[in-house]
N, C-alpha and C. Protein backbone atom coordinates (compact mmCIF):
# COMPACT_ATOMS: atom_id res chain seq x y z
N MET A 1 83.61 27.93 -33.15
CA MET A 1 83.35 27.61 -31.78
C MET A 1 82.10 26.74 -31.72
N ASN A 2 82.23 25.61 -31.07
CA ASN A 2 81.11 24.69 -30.92
C ASN A 2 80.48 24.86 -29.54
N LEU A 3 79.22 25.19 -29.54
CA LEU A 3 78.48 25.31 -28.29
C LEU A 3 77.78 23.99 -28.00
N PRO A 4 77.69 23.62 -26.74
CA PRO A 4 76.98 22.37 -26.42
C PRO A 4 75.52 22.50 -26.78
N ARG A 5 74.97 21.43 -27.32
CA ARG A 5 73.56 21.41 -27.70
C ARG A 5 72.71 21.14 -26.47
N GLN A 6 71.69 21.89 -26.35
CA GLN A 6 70.75 21.67 -25.25
C GLN A 6 69.65 20.74 -25.73
N LYS A 7 69.29 19.84 -24.86
CA LYS A 7 68.18 18.95 -25.19
C LYS A 7 66.88 19.73 -25.07
N ALA A 8 66.02 19.50 -26.02
CA ALA A 8 64.71 20.13 -25.95
C ALA A 8 63.91 19.47 -24.85
N ALA A 9 63.17 20.26 -24.13
CA ALA A 9 62.33 19.72 -23.06
C ALA A 9 61.28 18.80 -23.67
N THR A 10 61.14 17.64 -23.08
CA THR A 10 60.13 16.70 -23.55
C THR A 10 58.76 17.27 -23.24
N PRO A 11 57.92 17.36 -24.27
CA PRO A 11 56.61 17.94 -24.01
C PRO A 11 55.80 17.02 -23.09
N LYS A 12 55.30 17.61 -22.01
CA LYS A 12 54.50 16.86 -21.06
C LYS A 12 53.02 17.03 -21.34
N PHE A 13 52.70 17.85 -22.32
CA PHE A 13 51.31 18.18 -22.58
C PHE A 13 50.48 16.93 -22.84
N GLY A 14 50.97 16.04 -23.68
CA GLY A 14 50.23 14.82 -24.01
C GLY A 14 50.02 13.95 -22.79
N THR A 15 51.05 13.79 -21.98
CA THR A 15 50.95 12.99 -20.78
C THR A 15 49.99 13.62 -19.78
N GLU A 16 50.12 14.94 -19.61
CA GLU A 16 49.24 15.65 -18.68
C GLU A 16 47.79 15.59 -19.16
N LEU A 17 47.59 15.69 -20.46
CA LEU A 17 46.24 15.64 -21.02
C LEU A 17 45.63 14.26 -20.77
N LYS A 18 46.41 13.20 -20.95
CA LYS A 18 45.90 11.86 -20.68
C LYS A 18 45.53 11.70 -19.22
N SER A 19 46.37 12.21 -18.33
CA SER A 19 46.10 12.13 -16.89
C SER A 19 44.82 12.88 -16.53
N LYS A 20 44.67 14.06 -17.11
CA LYS A 20 43.48 14.86 -16.84
C LYS A 20 42.24 14.19 -17.40
N HIS A 21 42.37 13.57 -18.55
CA HIS A 21 41.24 12.85 -19.16
C HIS A 21 40.82 11.67 -18.27
N LYS A 22 41.82 10.94 -17.74
CA LYS A 22 41.52 9.81 -16.85
C LYS A 22 40.86 10.30 -15.57
N LEU A 23 41.33 11.41 -15.04
CA LEU A 23 40.77 11.97 -13.82
C LEU A 23 39.33 12.43 -14.05
N LEU A 24 39.08 13.06 -15.18
CA LEU A 24 37.74 13.50 -15.51
C LEU A 24 36.81 12.30 -15.69
N ALA A 25 37.31 11.25 -16.34
CA ALA A 25 36.51 10.03 -16.52
C ALA A 25 36.18 9.41 -15.16
N ALA A 26 37.14 9.42 -14.25
CA ALA A 26 36.91 8.88 -12.90
C ALA A 26 35.87 9.72 -12.17
N ALA A 27 35.92 11.02 -12.33
CA ALA A 27 34.94 11.90 -11.70
C ALA A 27 33.54 11.61 -12.23
N LYS A 28 33.42 11.39 -13.53
CA LYS A 28 32.12 11.07 -14.13
C LYS A 28 31.60 9.74 -13.59
N ARG A 29 32.48 8.74 -13.47
CA ARG A 29 32.07 7.45 -12.91
C ARG A 29 31.62 7.60 -11.46
N CYS A 30 32.30 8.45 -10.73
CA CYS A 30 31.96 8.69 -9.33
C CYS A 30 30.56 9.28 -9.22
N LEU A 31 30.20 10.13 -10.15
CA LEU A 31 28.86 10.72 -10.14
C LEU A 31 27.78 9.70 -10.48
N GLU A 32 28.15 8.70 -11.24
CA GLU A 32 27.18 7.68 -11.64
C GLU A 32 26.92 6.65 -10.55
N ASP A 33 27.75 6.63 -9.53
CA ASP A 33 27.62 5.64 -8.46
C ASP A 33 27.51 6.37 -7.12
N GLU A 34 26.31 6.35 -6.54
CA GLU A 34 26.07 7.10 -5.31
C GLU A 34 26.99 6.65 -4.17
N LYS A 35 27.26 5.36 -4.08
CA LYS A 35 28.14 4.85 -3.02
C LYS A 35 29.56 5.39 -3.18
N CYS A 36 30.02 5.46 -4.40
CA CYS A 36 31.34 6.00 -4.69
C CYS A 36 31.38 7.49 -4.31
N TYR A 37 30.34 8.21 -4.66
CA TYR A 37 30.27 9.63 -4.34
C TYR A 37 30.30 9.84 -2.83
N ARG A 38 29.54 9.03 -2.10
CA ARG A 38 29.53 9.12 -0.64
C ARG A 38 30.90 8.78 -0.05
N PHE A 39 31.56 7.78 -0.64
CA PHE A 39 32.89 7.39 -0.16
C PHE A 39 33.86 8.56 -0.28
N PHE A 40 33.87 9.23 -1.43
CA PHE A 40 34.79 10.36 -1.60
C PHE A 40 34.36 11.57 -0.77
N THR A 41 33.08 11.68 -0.48
CA THR A 41 32.62 12.73 0.43
C THR A 41 33.19 12.48 1.82
N LEU A 42 33.16 11.21 2.25
CA LEU A 42 33.74 10.84 3.54
C LEU A 42 35.24 11.09 3.56
N LEU A 43 35.94 10.64 2.51
CA LEU A 43 37.39 10.86 2.45
C LEU A 43 37.73 12.34 2.45
N ASP A 44 36.92 13.13 1.76
CA ASP A 44 37.12 14.59 1.76
C ASP A 44 36.99 15.14 3.17
N ALA A 45 35.96 14.72 3.89
CA ALA A 45 35.77 15.19 5.27
C ALA A 45 36.94 14.77 6.15
N LEU A 46 37.40 13.53 5.97
CA LEU A 46 38.54 13.06 6.75
C LEU A 46 39.80 13.86 6.44
N SER A 47 39.97 14.21 5.18
CA SER A 47 41.18 14.94 4.79
C SER A 47 41.23 16.34 5.39
N GLN A 48 40.11 16.83 5.87
CA GLN A 48 40.07 18.17 6.45
C GLN A 48 40.16 18.16 7.98
N LEU A 49 40.30 16.97 8.57
CA LEU A 49 40.48 16.87 10.02
C LEU A 49 41.87 17.33 10.42
N PRO A 50 42.06 17.65 11.70
CA PRO A 50 43.41 17.96 12.17
C PRO A 50 44.35 16.77 11.95
N LYS A 51 45.62 17.07 11.79
CA LYS A 51 46.63 16.07 11.46
C LYS A 51 46.60 14.86 12.41
N GLU A 52 46.47 15.11 13.71
CA GLU A 52 46.47 14.03 14.69
C GLU A 52 45.27 13.12 14.52
N ASP A 53 44.11 13.71 14.21
CA ASP A 53 42.90 12.92 14.01
C ASP A 53 43.00 12.05 12.75
N LYS A 54 43.59 12.61 11.70
CA LYS A 54 43.80 11.82 10.48
C LYS A 54 44.69 10.62 10.77
N LYS A 55 45.77 10.89 11.50
CA LYS A 55 46.72 9.82 11.83
C LYS A 55 46.04 8.73 12.65
N ALA A 56 45.26 9.11 13.65
CA ALA A 56 44.56 8.14 14.49
C ALA A 56 43.56 7.33 13.68
N TYR A 57 42.85 8.00 12.78
CA TYR A 57 41.87 7.30 11.94
C TYR A 57 42.56 6.27 11.05
N LEU A 58 43.65 6.66 10.42
CA LEU A 58 44.38 5.73 9.55
C LEU A 58 44.96 4.56 10.34
N GLU A 59 45.44 4.83 11.56
CA GLU A 59 45.96 3.75 12.41
C GLU A 59 44.85 2.76 12.76
N ASP A 60 43.66 3.27 13.03
CA ASP A 60 42.52 2.39 13.33
C ASP A 60 42.18 1.50 12.13
N ILE A 61 42.17 2.10 10.96
CA ILE A 61 41.88 1.33 9.75
C ILE A 61 42.94 0.25 9.54
N GLU A 62 44.18 0.63 9.73
CA GLU A 62 45.29 -0.30 9.53
C GLU A 62 45.23 -1.46 10.52
N MET A 63 44.82 -1.19 11.76
CA MET A 63 44.73 -2.24 12.77
C MET A 63 43.70 -3.30 12.40
N HIS A 64 42.64 -2.90 11.73
CA HIS A 64 41.61 -3.86 11.34
C HIS A 64 42.08 -4.80 10.24
N GLY A 65 43.10 -4.41 9.51
CA GLY A 65 43.66 -5.27 8.47
C GLY A 65 42.77 -5.48 7.26
N THR A 66 41.82 -4.59 7.06
CA THR A 66 40.90 -4.72 5.94
C THR A 66 41.58 -4.42 4.61
N TYR A 67 42.55 -3.52 4.64
CA TYR A 67 43.22 -3.07 3.41
C TYR A 67 44.66 -3.55 3.38
N ASP A 68 45.14 -3.86 2.17
CA ASP A 68 46.55 -4.25 2.03
C ASP A 68 47.42 -2.99 2.00
N ASP A 69 48.72 -3.18 1.92
CA ASP A 69 49.66 -2.05 1.98
C ASP A 69 49.43 -1.04 0.86
N GLU A 70 49.15 -1.52 -0.33
CA GLU A 70 48.94 -0.63 -1.47
C GLU A 70 47.68 0.22 -1.27
N GLU A 71 46.62 -0.43 -0.77
CA GLU A 71 45.38 0.30 -0.53
C GLU A 71 45.55 1.31 0.61
N MET A 72 46.29 0.93 1.64
CA MET A 72 46.54 1.86 2.74
C MET A 72 47.36 3.05 2.25
N GLY A 73 48.30 2.80 1.37
CA GLY A 73 49.09 3.90 0.79
C GLY A 73 48.20 4.87 0.03
N ALA A 74 47.25 4.31 -0.73
CA ALA A 74 46.32 5.16 -1.48
C ALA A 74 45.44 5.97 -0.53
N LEU A 75 44.94 5.32 0.53
CA LEU A 75 44.13 6.05 1.51
C LEU A 75 44.93 7.16 2.17
N ARG A 76 46.17 6.88 2.49
CA ARG A 76 47.03 7.92 3.10
C ARG A 76 47.17 9.11 2.16
N ARG A 77 47.45 8.82 0.89
CA ARG A 77 47.61 9.92 -0.07
C ARG A 77 46.31 10.72 -0.20
N LEU A 78 45.20 10.02 -0.22
CA LEU A 78 43.92 10.71 -0.37
C LEU A 78 43.57 11.54 0.86
N ILE A 79 43.84 10.99 2.03
CA ILE A 79 43.44 11.68 3.26
C ILE A 79 44.50 12.68 3.72
N VAL A 80 45.74 12.24 3.82
CA VAL A 80 46.79 13.10 4.38
C VAL A 80 47.26 14.16 3.38
N ASP A 81 47.44 13.76 2.13
CA ASP A 81 47.99 14.69 1.14
C ASP A 81 46.92 15.55 0.46
N GLY A 82 45.66 15.35 0.81
CA GLY A 82 44.60 16.19 0.26
C GLY A 82 44.06 15.75 -1.08
N GLY A 83 44.43 14.58 -1.53
CA GLY A 83 43.94 14.10 -2.83
C GLY A 83 42.43 13.95 -2.85
N ALA A 84 41.85 13.50 -1.74
CA ALA A 84 40.40 13.30 -1.68
C ALA A 84 39.67 14.64 -1.81
N HIS A 85 40.21 15.66 -1.17
CA HIS A 85 39.58 16.98 -1.24
C HIS A 85 39.62 17.52 -2.68
N ALA A 86 40.76 17.39 -3.32
CA ALA A 86 40.89 17.86 -4.70
C ALA A 86 39.97 17.08 -5.64
N PHE A 87 39.92 15.75 -5.46
CA PHE A 87 39.07 14.93 -6.33
C PHE A 87 37.60 15.25 -6.09
N LYS A 88 37.20 15.39 -4.85
CA LYS A 88 35.80 15.71 -4.53
C LYS A 88 35.42 17.05 -5.14
N ASN A 89 36.32 18.02 -5.10
CA ASN A 89 36.04 19.31 -5.73
C ASN A 89 35.84 19.15 -7.23
N LEU A 90 36.68 18.32 -7.87
CA LEU A 90 36.53 18.07 -9.30
C LEU A 90 35.18 17.41 -9.59
N VAL A 91 34.82 16.43 -8.80
CA VAL A 91 33.53 15.74 -8.99
C VAL A 91 32.39 16.74 -8.86
N ASP A 92 32.46 17.64 -7.89
CA ASP A 92 31.41 18.63 -7.71
C ASP A 92 31.34 19.60 -8.88
N VAL A 93 32.48 19.98 -9.44
CA VAL A 93 32.50 20.85 -10.62
C VAL A 93 31.83 20.14 -11.80
N VAL A 94 32.19 18.88 -12.01
CA VAL A 94 31.58 18.10 -13.10
C VAL A 94 30.07 17.98 -12.88
N ARG A 95 29.66 17.75 -11.65
CA ARG A 95 28.22 17.66 -11.33
C ARG A 95 27.52 18.97 -11.66
N ASP A 96 28.12 20.09 -11.28
CA ASP A 96 27.52 21.39 -11.55
C ASP A 96 27.40 21.64 -13.06
N ILE A 97 28.42 21.26 -13.80
CA ILE A 97 28.39 21.42 -15.26
C ILE A 97 27.25 20.60 -15.84
N ARG A 98 27.11 19.36 -15.38
CA ARG A 98 26.02 18.51 -15.87
C ARG A 98 24.66 19.11 -15.56
N VAL A 99 24.50 19.62 -14.36
CA VAL A 99 23.22 20.22 -13.97
C VAL A 99 22.90 21.40 -14.88
N HIS A 100 23.88 22.26 -15.12
CA HIS A 100 23.66 23.42 -15.99
C HIS A 100 23.34 22.97 -17.42
N GLN A 101 23.99 21.92 -17.89
CA GLN A 101 23.70 21.41 -19.23
C GLN A 101 22.27 20.87 -19.30
N GLU A 102 21.84 20.16 -18.28
CA GLU A 102 20.48 19.61 -18.25
C GLU A 102 19.45 20.73 -18.20
N ILE A 103 19.74 21.78 -17.44
CA ILE A 103 18.83 22.93 -17.37
C ILE A 103 18.75 23.60 -18.74
N ASP A 104 19.90 23.79 -19.39
CA ASP A 104 19.91 24.40 -20.72
C ASP A 104 19.09 23.59 -21.72
N VAL A 105 19.19 22.28 -21.66
CA VAL A 105 18.41 21.41 -22.56
C VAL A 105 16.92 21.58 -22.29
N MET A 106 16.55 21.64 -21.02
CA MET A 106 15.12 21.79 -20.68
C MET A 106 14.57 23.14 -21.11
N LEU A 107 15.42 24.16 -21.11
CA LEU A 107 14.95 25.50 -21.48
C LEU A 107 14.85 25.71 -22.98
N LYS A 108 15.43 24.83 -23.74
CA LYS A 108 15.40 24.98 -25.21
C LYS A 108 14.12 24.47 -25.79
């Protein structure tokens, strides 16, 4: 009796690890640039507004025509889908780790 062969699940670990590494690198760059950090702080605050306020804010930005469609899509994902909040939390965790490392070095 021949049983059908099941395909082995493609390991996503390598891909996920690369994505996490890129995200961590972006968080470190964000900490090195105060303007970038402030920008994500603003996006984080916007992402926590009520749904109607987020929509109105994005419509205002879109009306000014400062950003192209791709950039507006990214802003929507960051603000509406909570990406900015998640990224800001990651940046803050990285900042806290750095602070603790610096304190440990000073205490040695």
